[in-house]
PDB file of N, CA and C in Angstrom:
ATOM      1  N   UNK A   1       0.687  -1.289   0.096  1.00  0.00           N
ATOM      2  CA  UNK A   1       0.008  -0.137   0.039  1.00  0.00           C
ATOM      3  C   UNK A   1       0.844   1.216  -0.426  1.00  0.00           C
ATOM      4  N   UNK A   2       0.901   2.015  -0.773  1.00  0.00           N
ATOM      5  CA  UNK A   2       1.591   3.327  -1.134  1.00  0.00           C
ATOM      6  C   UNK A   2       1.287   4.307   0.150  1.00  0.00           C
ATOM      7  N   UNK A   3       2.388   5.100   0.736  1.00  0.00           N
ATOM      8  CA  UNK A   3       2.114   6.082   1.766  1.00  0.00           C
ATOM      9  C   UNK A   3       1.545   6.954   1.488  1.00  0.00           C
ATOM     10  N   UNK A   4       1.001   7.787   2.653  1.00  0.00           N
ATOM     11  CA  UNK A   4       0.297   9.127   2.186  1.00  0.00           C
ATOM     12  C   UNK A   4       1.308  10.171   2.046  1.00  0.00           C
ATOM     13  N   UNK A   5       1.050  11.009   1.007  1.00  0.00           N
ATOM     14  CA  UNK A   5       1.581  12.137   0.573  1.00  0.00           C
ATOM     15  C   UNK A   5       1.632  12.748   1.481  1.00  0.00           C
ATOM     16  N   UNK A   6       2.957  13.445   2.037  1.00  0.00           N
ATOM     17  CA  UNK A   6       3.323  14.520   3.439  1.00  0.00           C
ATOM     18  C   UNK A   6       4.537  15.420   2.489  1.00  0.00           C
ATOM     19  N   UNK A   7       4.011  16.893   2.200  1.00  0.00           N
ATOM     20  CA  UNK A   7       5.017  17.194   1.506  1.00  0.00           C
ATOM     21  C   UNK A   7       5.714  18.075   2.649  1.00  0.00           C
ATOM     22  N   UNK A   8       7.267  18.344   2.178  1.00  0.00           N
ATOM     23  CA  UNK A   8       7.975  18.585   3.047  1.00  0.00           C
ATOM     24  C   UNK A   8       9.395  19.511   2.395  1.00  0.00           C
ATOM     25  N   UNK A   9       9.709  20.374   2.889  1.00  0.00           N
ATOM     26  CA  UNK A   9      11.256  20.784   2.771  1.00  0.00           C
ATOM     27  C   UNK A   9      12.388  20.874   3.475  1.00  0.00           C
ATOM     28  N   UNK A  10      13.399  20.094   3.368  1.00  0.00           N
ATOM     29  CA  UNK A  10      14.302  19.691   3.842  1.00  0.00           C
ATOM     30  C   UNK A  10      15.947  20.198   3.695  1.00  0.00           C
ATOM     31  N   UNK A  11      16.733  20.172   4.315  1.00  0.00           N
ATOM     32  CA  UNK A  11      18.215  20.405   4.246  1.00  0.00           C
ATOM     33  C   UNK A  11      18.856  19.051   4.675  1.00  0.00           C
ATOM     34  N   UNK A  12      19.600  18.709   3.864  1.00  0.00           N
ATOM     35  CA  UNK A  12      20.473  17.403   3.935  1.00  0.00           C
ATOM     36  C   UNK A  12      22.342  18.040   4.317  1.00  0.00           C
ATOM     37  N   UNK A  13      22.972  17.314   5.093  1.00  0.00           N
ATOM     38  CA  UNK A  13      24.414  18.309   5.226  1.00  0.00           C
ATOM     39  C   UNK A  13      25.095  17.047   5.041  1.00  0.00           C
ATOM     40  N   UNK A  14      27.014  17.351   4.854  1.00  0.00           N
ATOM     41  CA  UNK A  14      27.558  15.977   4.965  1.00  0.00           C
ATOM     42  C   UNK A  14      28.233  16.017   6.298  1.00  0.00           C
ATOM     43  N   UNK A  15      28.407  17.007   7.337  1.00  0.00           N
ATOM     44  CA  UNK A  15      28.683  17.157   8.323  1.00  0.00           C
ATOM     45  C   UNK A  15      28.302  18.751   8.797  1.00  0.00           C
ATOM     46  N   UNK A  16      28.563  18.983  10.519  1.00  0.00           N
ATOM     47  CA  UNK A  16      28.439  20.255  10.983  1.00  0.00           C
ATOM     48  C   UNK A  16      28.968  21.077  10.351  1.00  0.00           C
ATOM     49  N   UNK A  17      28.027  22.240   9.844  1.00  0.00           N
ATOM     50  CA  UNK A  17      28.455  23.230   9.075  1.00  0.00           C
ATOM     51  C   UNK A  17      29.361  23.261   7.934  1.00  0.00           C
ATOM     52  N   UNK A  18      29.098  21.775   7.662  1.00  0.00           N
ATOM     53  CA  UNK A  18      29.665  21.382   5.803  1.00  0.00           C
ATOM     54  C   UNK A  18      28.996  21.795   4.628  1.00  0.00           C
ATOM     55  N   UNK A  19      28.636  20.945   4.070  1.00  0.00           N
ATOM     56  CA  UNK A  19      27.892  20.945   2.700  1.00  0.00           C
ATOM     57  C   UNK A  19      26.629  20.992   2.599  1.00  0.00           C
ATOM     58  N   UNK A  20      25.710  21.865   2.434  1.00  0.00           N
ATOM     59  CA  UNK A  20      24.234  21.388   2.495  1.00  0.00           C
ATOM     60  C   UNK A  20      23.524  21.787   1.002  1.00  0.00           C
ATOM     61  N   UNK A  21      22.554  20.717   1.437  1.00  0.00           N
ATOM     62  CA  UNK A  21      21.503  20.421  -0.211  1.00  0.00           C
ATOM     63  C   UNK A  21      20.108  20.885   0.701  1.00  0.00           C
ATOM     64  N   UNK A  22      19.407  21.774   0.021  1.00  0.00           N
ATOM     65  CA  UNK A  22      17.875  22.265   0.010  1.00  0.00           C
ATOM     66  C   UNK A  22      17.152  21.183  -0.963  1.00  0.00           C
ATOM     67  N   UNK A  23      15.925  20.573  -0.281  1.00  0.00           N
ATOM     68  CA  UNK A  23      15.132  19.582  -1.174  1.00  0.00           C
ATOM     69  C   UNK A  23      13.453  19.861  -0.974  1.00  0.00           C
ATOM     70  N   UNK A  24      13.046  19.454  -1.721  1.00  0.00           N
ATOM     71  CA  UNK A  24      11.648  19.362  -1.300  1.00  0.00           C
ATOM     72  C   UNK A  24      11.107  17.626  -1.697  1.00  0.00           C
ATOM     73  N   UNK A  25      10.037  17.600  -1.107  1.00  0.00           N
ATOM     74  CA  UNK A  25       9.723  15.598  -1.270  1.00  0.00           C
ATOM     75  C   UNK A  25       8.089  15.564  -1.157  1.00  0.00           C
ATOM     76  N   UNK A  26       7.649  14.706  -1.508  1.00  0.00           N
ATOM     77  CA  UNK A  26       6.445  14.379  -0.814  1.00  0.00           C
ATOM     78  C   UNK A  26       6.163  13.127   0.083  1.00  0.00           C
ATOM     79  N   UNK A  27       7.301  12.348   0.246  1.00  0.00           N
ATOM     80  CA  UNK A  27       7.911  11.068   1.035  1.00  0.00           C
ATOM     81  C   UNK A  27       9.501  11.528   1.588  1.00  0.00           C
ATOM     82  N   UNK A  28       9.494  11.866   2.852  1.00  0.00           N
ATOM     83  CA  UNK A  28      10.613  12.421   3.514  1.00  0.00           C
ATOM     84  C   UNK A  28      11.170  11.157   3.607  1.00  0.00           C
ATOM     85  N   UNK A  29      10.921  10.385   4.360  1.00  0.00           N
ATOM     86  CA  UNK A  29      11.286   8.943   4.843  1.00  0.00           C
ATOM     87  C   UNK A  29      12.264   8.469   3.787  1.00  0.00           C
ATOM     88  N   UNK A  30      11.166   8.400   2.624  1.00  0.00           N
ATOM     89  CA  UNK A  30      11.991   7.568   1.705  1.00  0.00           C
ATOM     90  C   UNK A  30      12.632   8.614   0.780  1.00  0.00           C
ATOM     91  N   UNK A  31      12.889   9.669   0.847  1.00  0.00           N
ATOM     92  CA  UNK A  31      14.221  10.586   0.229  1.00  0.00           C
ATOM     93  C   UNK A  31      15.196  10.749   1.087  1.00  0.00           C
ATOM     94  N   UNK A  32      15.147  10.641   1.864  1.00  0.00           N
ATOM     95  CA  UNK A  32      16.187  10.892   3.035  1.00  0.00           C
ATOM     96  C   UNK A  32      17.032   9.307   3.027  1.00  0.00           C
ATOM     97  N   UNK A  33      16.098   8.712   2.726  1.00  0.00           N
ATOM     98  CA  UNK A  33      16.775   7.166   2.839  1.00  0.00           C
ATOM     99  C   UNK A  33      17.509   6.820   1.314  1.00  0.00           C
ATOM    100  N   UNK A  34      17.230   7.411   0.329  1.00  0.00           N
ATOM    101  CA  UNK A  34      17.791   7.578  -0.844  1.00  0.00           C
ATOM    102  C   UNK A  34      19.418   8.656  -0.608  1.00  0.00           C
ATOM    103  N   UNK A  35      18.838   9.535  -0.078  1.00  0.00           N
ATOM    104  CA  UNK A  35      20.366  10.619  -0.103  1.00  0.00           C
ATOM    105  C   UNK A  35      20.804   9.819   0.867  1.00  0.00           C
ATOM    106  N   UNK A  36      20.857   8.806   1.830  1.00  0.00           N
ATOM    107  CA  UNK A  36      21.618   8.053   2.705  1.00  0.00           C
ATOM    108  C   UNK A  36      22.300   6.862   2.089  1.00  0.00           C
ATOM    109  N   UNK A  37      21.711   6.727   1.208  1.00  0.00           N
ATOM    110  CA  UNK A  37      22.144   5.361   0.735  1.00  0.00           C
ATOM    111  C   UNK A  37      23.100   5.482  -1.058  1.00  0.00           C
ATOM    112  N   UNK A  38      22.752   6.740  -1.321  1.00  0.00           N
ATOM    113  CA  UNK A  38      23.257   7.089  -2.636  1.00  0.00           C
ATOM    114  C   UNK A  38      23.133   6.842  -3.282  1.00  0.00           C
ATOM    115  N   UNK A  39      21.723   5.995  -3.830  1.00  0.00           N
ATOM    116  CA  UNK A  39      21.021   5.275  -4.715  1.00  0.00           C
ATOM    117  C   UNK A  39      20.598   6.341  -5.884  1.00  0.00           C
ATOM    118  N   UNK A  40      20.691   7.940  -5.919  1.00  0.00           N
ATOM    119  CA  UNK A  40      20.897   8.415  -7.019  1.00  0.00           C
ATOM    120  C   UNK A  40      21.785   9.371  -7.319  1.00  0.00           C
ATOM    121  N   UNK A  41      22.286   9.407  -8.424  1.00  0.00           N
ATOM    122  CA  UNK A  41      23.604  10.207  -8.516  1.00  0.00           C
ATOM    123  C   UNK A  41      23.119  11.702  -8.878  1.00  0.00           C
ATOM    124  N   UNK A  42      24.055  12.591  -7.997  1.00  0.00           N
ATOM    125  CA  UNK A  42      23.726  14.219  -8.330  1.00  0.00           C
ATOM    126  C   UNK A  42      24.778  14.324  -6.860  1.00  0.00           C
ATOM    127  N   UNK A  43      23.758  15.835  -6.745  1.00  0.00           N
ATOM    128  CA  UNK A  43      24.832  16.654  -6.024  1.00  0.00           C
ATOM    129  C   UNK A  43      25.023  15.755  -4.350  1.00  0.00           C
ATOM    130  N   UNK A  44      24.231  15.100  -3.454  1.00  0.00           N
ATOM    131  CA  UNK A  44      24.176  14.992  -2.363  1.00  0.00           C
ATOM    132  C   UNK A  44      24.946  13.711  -2.509  1.00  0.00           C
ATOM    133  N   UNK A  45      24.940  12.646  -3.304  1.00  0.00           N
ATOM    134  CA  UNK A  45      25.700  11.571  -3.646  1.00  0.00           C
ATOM    135  C   UNK A  45      27.144  12.431  -3.654  1.00  0.00           C
ATOM    136  N   UNK A  46      27.321  13.021  -4.582  1.00  0.00           N
ATOM    137  CA  UNK A  46      28.935  13.914  -5.081  1.00  0.00           C
ATOM    138  C   UNK A  46      29.594  14.476  -3.373  1.00  0.00           C
ATOM    139  N   UNK A  47      28.661  14.987  -3.056  1.00  0.00           N
ATOM    140  CA  UNK A  47      29.618  15.764  -1.746  1.00  0.00           C
ATOM    141  C   UNK A  47      29.044  14.775  -0.411  1.00  0.00           C
ATOM    142  N   UNK A  48      28.521  13.555  -0.304  1.00  0.00           N
ATOM    143  CA  UNK A  48      27.897  12.643   0.873  1.00  0.00           C
ATOM    144  C   UNK A  48      27.679  13.629   1.695  1.00  0.00           C
ATOM    145  N   UNK A  49      26.173  13.914   1.663  1.00  0.00           N
ATOM    146  CA  UNK A  49      25.043  15.064   1.976  1.00  0.00           C
ATOM    147  C   UNK A  49      24.050  13.904   2.358  1.00  0.00           C
ATOM    148  N   UNK A  50      24.538  12.799   3.630  1.00  0.00           N
ATOM    149  CA  UNK A  50      23.580  11.977   4.173  1.00  0.00           C
ATOM    150  C   UNK A  50      22.888  12.398   5.375  1.00  0.00           C
ATOM    151  N   UNK A  51      23.196  13.294   6.079  1.00  0.00           N
ATOM    152  CA  UNK A  51      22.405  13.583   7.407  1.00  0.00           C
ATOM    153  C   UNK A  51      21.547  14.405   6.902  1.00  0.00           C
ATOM    154  N   UNK A  52      20.484  14.425   7.601  1.00  0.00           N
ATOM    155  CA  UNK A  52      19.034  14.798   7.610  1.00  0.00           C
ATOM    156  C   UNK A  52      19.238  16.020   8.633  1.00  0.00           C
ATOM    157  N   UNK A  53      19.461  17.285   8.605  1.00  0.00           N
ATOM    158  CA  UNK A  53      19.567  17.968   9.907  1.00  0.00           C
ATOM    159  C   UNK A  53      18.614  19.177   9.629  1.00  0.00           C
ATOM    160  N   UNK A  54      17.693  19.038   8.930  1.00  0.00           N
ATOM    161  CA  UNK A  54      16.178  19.918   9.373  1.00  0.00           C
ATOM    162  C   UNK A  54      15.200  19.684   8.169  1.00  0.00           C
ATOM    163  N   UNK A  55      13.940  19.719   8.718  1.00  0.00           N
ATOM    164  CA  UNK A  55      12.817  19.568   7.844  1.00  0.00           C
ATOM    165  C   UNK A  55      11.871  20.327   8.215  1.00  0.00           C
ATOM    166  N   UNK A  56      10.768  20.648   7.386  1.00  0.00           N
ATOM    167  CA  UNK A  56       9.328  21.382   7.887  1.00  0.00           C
ATOM    168  C   UNK A  56       8.187  20.561   6.978  1.00  0.00           C
ATOM    169  N   UNK A  57       7.437  20.063   7.331  1.00  0.00           N
ATOM    170  CA  UNK A  57       6.468  19.353   7.159  1.00  0.00           C
ATOM    171  C   UNK A  57       5.318  20.702   6.473  1.00  0.00           C
ATOM    172  N   UNK A  58       4.834  20.407   5.373  1.00  0.00           N
ATOM    173  CA  UNK A  58       3.813  21.416   4.922  1.00  0.00           C
ATOM    174  C   UNK A  58       2.648  20.571   4.354  1.00  0.00           C
ATOM    175  N   UNK A  59       1.454  21.175   4.235  1.00  0.00           N
ATOM    176  CA  UNK A  59       0.138  21.246   3.971  1.00  0.00           C
ATOM    177  C   UNK A  59      -0.072  20.753   2.615  1.00  0.00           C
ATOM    178  N   UNK A  60       0.514  21.578   1.520  1.00  0.00           N
ATOM    179  CA  UNK A  60       0.657  21.101   0.345  1.00  0.00           C
ATOM    180  C   UNK A  60       2.100  21.327  -0.243  1.00  0.00           C
ATOM    181  N   UNK A  61       1.698  20.385  -1.626  1.00  0.00           N
ATOM    182  CA  UNK A  61       3.045  20.098  -2.799  1.00  0.00           C
ATOM    183  C   UNK A  61       3.510  21.804  -2.823  1.00  0.00           C
ATOM    184  N   UNK A  62       2.230  22.586  -3.024  1.00  0.00           N
ATOM    185  CA  UNK A  62       2.977  23.793  -3.548  1.00  0.00           C
ATOM    186  C   UNK A  62       3.558  24.752  -2.359  1.00  0.00           C
ATOM    187  N   UNK A  63       3.223  24.508  -1.327  1.00  0.00           N
ATOM    188  CA  UNK A  63       3.709  25.028  -0.307  1.00  0.00           C
ATOM    189  C   UNK A  63       5.163  24.896  -0.065  1.00  0.00           C
ATOM    190  N   UNK A  64       5.444  23.394   0.220  1.00  0.00           N
ATOM    191  CA  UNK A  64       6.548  22.912   0.227  1.00  0.00           C
ATOM    192  C   UNK A  64       7.901  23.375  -0.935  1.00  0.00           C
ATOM    193  N   UNK A  65       7.207  23.602  -2.144  1.00  0.00           N
ATOM    194  CA  UNK A  65       8.139  24.236  -3.010  1.00  0.00           C
ATOM    195  C   UNK A  65       8.198  25.442  -2.987  1.00  0.00           C
ATOM    196  N   UNK A  66       7.435  26.598  -2.569  1.00  0.00           N
ATOM    197  CA  UNK A  66       7.725  27.688  -2.328  1.00  0.00           C
ATOM    198  C   UNK A  66       8.838  28.110  -1.107  1.00  0.00           C
ATOM    199  N   UNK A  67       8.689  27.004  -0.309  1.00  0.00           N
ATOM    200  CA  UNK A  67       9.285  27.033   0.907  1.00  0.00           C
ATOM    201  C   UNK A  67      10.743  26.527   0.704  1.00  0.00           C
ATOM    202  N   UNK A  68      10.893  25.649  -0.418  1.00  0.00           N
ATOM    203  CA  UNK A  68      12.189  24.981  -0.500  1.00  0.00           C
ATOM    204  C   UNK A  68      12.841  26.502  -1.198  1.00  0.00           C
ATOM    205  N   UNK A  69      12.153  26.891  -1.983  1.00  0.00           N
ATOM    206  CA  UNK A  69      12.319  28.352  -2.883  1.00  0.00           C
ATOM    207  C   UNK A  69      13.228  29.409  -2.419  1.00  0.00           C
ATOM    208  N   UNK A  70      12.236  29.444  -0.936  1.00  0.00           N
ATOM    209  CA  UNK A  70      12.532  30.644  -0.161  1.00  0.00           C
ATOM    210  C   UNK A  70      13.705  30.235   0.677  1.00  0.00           C
ATOM    211  N   UNK A  71      13.968  29.292   0.878  1.00  0.00           N
ATOM    212  CA  UNK A  71      15.060  28.136   1.750  1.00  0.00           C
ATOM    213  C   UNK A  71      16.545  28.721   0.593  1.00  0.00           C
ATOM    214  N   UNK A  72      16.334  28.401  -0.501  1.00  0.00           N
ATOM    215  CA  UNK A  72      17.279  28.608  -1.265  1.00  0.00           C
ATOM    216  C   UNK A  72      17.736  29.911  -1.563  1.00  0.00           C
ATOM    217  N   UNK A  73      16.868  30.599  -1.709  1.00  0.00           N
ATOM    218  CA  UNK A  73      17.121  32.229  -2.142  1.00  0.00           C
ATOM    219  C   UNK A  73      17.904  32.861  -0.805  1.00  0.00           C
ATOM    220  N   UNK A  74      17.906  32.270  -0.003  1.00  0.00           N
ATOM    221  CA  UNK A  74      18.436  32.713   1.414  1.00  0.00           C
ATOM    222  C   UNK A  74      19.954  32.537   1.390  1.00  0.00           C
ATOM    223  N   UNK A  75      20.528  33.259   2.362  1.00  0.00           N
ATOM    224  CA  UNK A  75      22.336  32.994   2.513  1.00  0.00           C
ATOM    225  C   UNK A  75      22.320  31.999   3.404  1.00  0.00           C
ATOM    226  N   UNK A  76      23.715  31.307   3.011  1.00  0.00           N
ATOM    227  CA  UNK A  76      24.228  30.320   3.809  1.00  0.00           C
ATOM    228  C   UNK A  76      23.580  30.508   5.085  1.00  0.00           C
ATOM    229  N   UNK A  77      24.110  31.913   5.632  1.00  0.00           N
ATOM    230  CA  UNK A  77      23.624  32.396   7.193  1.00  0.00           C
ATOM    231  C   UNK A  77      22.675  32.047   7.910  1.00  0.00           C
ATOM    232  N   UNK A  78      21.229  31.935   6.669  1.00  0.00           N
ATOM    233  CA  UNK A  78      20.308  31.691   7.311  1.00  0.00           C
ATOM    234  C   UNK A  78      19.674  30.523   6.831  1.00  0.00           C
ATOM    235  N   UNK A  79      20.077  29.753   6.500  1.00  0.00           N
ATOM    236  CA  UNK A  79      20.335  28.164   6.263  1.00  0.00           C
ATOM    237  C   UNK A  79      20.982  27.759   7.577  1.00  0.00           C
ATOM    238  N   UNK A  80      22.014  27.911   8.231  1.00  0.00           N
ATOM    239  CA  UNK A  80      22.887  27.610   9.352  1.00  0.00           C
ATOM    240  C   UNK A  80      21.950  28.004  10.313  1.00  0.00           C
ATOM    241  N   UNK A  81      21.206  29.305  10.559  1.00  0.00           N
ATOM    242  CA  UNK A  81      20.746  29.527  11.502  1.00  0.00           C
ATOM    243  C   UNK A  81      19.174  28.742  11.765  1.00  0.00           C
ATOM    244  N   UNK A  82      18.787  28.351  10.654  1.00  0.00           N
ATOM    245  CA  UNK A  82      17.558  27.535  10.552  1.00  0.00           C
ATOM    246  C   UNK A  82      17.565  26.028  11.305  1.00  0.00           C
ATOM    247  N   UNK A  83      18.664  25.514  10.676  1.00  0.00           N
ATOM    248  CA  UNK A  83      19.231  24.216  11.429  1.00  0.00           C
ATOM    249  C   UNK A  83      19.693  24.522  12.537  1.00  0.00           C
ATOM    250  N   UNK A  84      20.396  25.341  13.048  1.00  0.00           N
ATOM    251  CA  UNK A  84      20.747  25.854  14.760  1.00  0.00           C
ATOM    252  C   UNK A  84      19.445  25.863  15.409  1.00  0.00           C
ATOM    253  N   UNK A  85      18.174  26.161  14.942  1.00  0.00           N
ATOM    254  CA  UNK A  85      17.458  27.037  15.903  1.00  0.00           C
ATOM    255  C   UNK A  85      16.769  25.788  16.056  1.00  0.00           C
ATOM    256  N   UNK A  86      16.569  24.540  15.452  1.00  0.00           N
ATOM    257  CA  UNK A  86      15.882  23.599  15.536  1.00  0.00           C
ATOM    258  C   UNK A  86      16.688  22.184  15.699  1.00  0.00           C
ATOM    259  N   UNK A  87      17.595  22.122  15.632  1.00  0.00           N
ATOM    260  CA  UNK A  87      18.664  20.988  15.858  1.00  0.00           C
ATOM    261  C   UNK A  87      20.129  21.495  16.200  1.00  0.00           C
ATOM    262  N   UNK A  88      20.351  21.926  17.036  1.00  0.00           N
ATOM    263  CA  UNK A  88      22.031  22.738  17.597  1.00  0.00           C
ATOM    264  C   UNK A  88      22.858  21.771  17.229  1.00  0.00           C
ATOM    265  N   UNK A  89      22.849  20.517  17.548  1.00  0.00           N
ATOM    266  CA  UNK A  89      23.575  19.933  18.095  1.00  0.00           C
ATOM    267  C   UNK A  89      23.949  18.990  16.592  1.00  0.00           C
ATOM    268  N   UNK A  90      22.949  19.305  15.434  1.00  0.00           N
ATOM    269  CA  UNK A  90      23.255  18.926  13.968  1.00  0.00           C
ATOM    270  C   UNK A  90      23.076  17.483  13.799  1.00  0.00           C
ATOM    271  N   UNK A  91      22.153  16.793  14.792  1.00  0.00           N
ATOM    272  CA  UNK A  91      21.728  15.463  14.796  1.00  0.00           C
ATOM    273  C   UNK A  91      21.189  15.083  13.643  1.00  0.00           C
ATOM    274  N   UNK A  92      21.610  13.680  13.177  1.00  0.00           N
ATOM    275  CA  UNK A  92      20.808  13.183  12.251  1.00  0.00           C
ATOM    276  C   UNK A  92      19.335  12.682  12.283  1.00  0.00           C
ATOM    277  N   UNK A  93      18.319  13.625  11.953  1.00  0.00           N
ATOM    278  CA  UNK A  93      17.402  13.603  12.432  1.00  0.00           C
ATOM    279  C   UNK A  93      16.333  12.363  11.633  1.00  0.00           C
ATOM    280  N   UNK A  94      16.756  11.530  10.503  1.00  0.00           N
ATOM    281  CA  UNK A  94      16.552  10.484   9.853  1.00  0.00           C
ATOM    282  C   UNK A  94      16.207   9.303  10.823  1.00  0.00           C
ATOM    283  N   UNK A  95      16.526   9.207  11.897  1.00  0.00           N
ATOM    284  CA  UNK A  95      15.696   8.060  12.726  1.00  0.00           C
ATOM    285  C   UNK A  95      14.716   8.368  13.582  1.00  0.00           C
ATOM    286  N   UNK A  96      14.128   9.762  13.500  1.00  0.00           N
ATOM    287  CA  UNK A  96      13.265  10.467  13.927  1.00  0.00           C
ATOM    288  C   UNK A  96      11.986   9.800  13.045  1.00  0.00           C
ATOM    289  N   UNK A  97      12.385   9.855  11.699  1.00  0.00           N
ATOM    290  CA  UNK A  97      11.165   9.761  10.954  1.00  0.00           C
ATOM    291  C   UNK A  97      10.922   8.756   9.822  1.00  0.00           C
ATOM    292  N   UNK A  98      12.027   7.577   9.860  1.00  0.00           N
ATOM    293  CA  UNK A  98      12.146   6.554   9.408  1.00  0.00           C
ATOM    294  C   UNK A  98      10.819   5.651  10.157  1.00  0.00           C
ATOM    295  N   UNK A  99      10.558   4.783   9.319  1.00  0.00           N
ATOM    296  CA  UNK A  99       9.804   3.608  10.072  1.00  0.00           C
ATOM    297  C   UNK A  99      10.330   2.447  10.679  1.00  0.00           C
ATOM    298  N   UNK A 100       9.802   1.964  11.568  1.00  0.00           N
ATOM    299  CA  UNK A 100      10.389   1.151  12.681  1.00  0.00           C
ATOM    300  C   UNK A 100      10.819  -0.217  11.878  1.00  0.00           C
TER     301      UNK A 100
END
């Protein structure tokens, strides 16, 4: 049975204060797993962005896309502040969202 759609904007990192990737998805657990496992070639695989350090669930995919664009348009300092505000230890949040 397919999962329910849960739009989200998120940030992956390779380490604390390291390379950041901002993305959007309709299935955060699956997308974060794909980043972690490196199953899709691209930026996160190339730079080792395997840590889910921030995410925001959104009511609609349109809102999630707008939020992603807003975050991407911001400075690196704003991205770091967003992460630090909700996850000051830069803990990998994937275990919190993955199915048991």
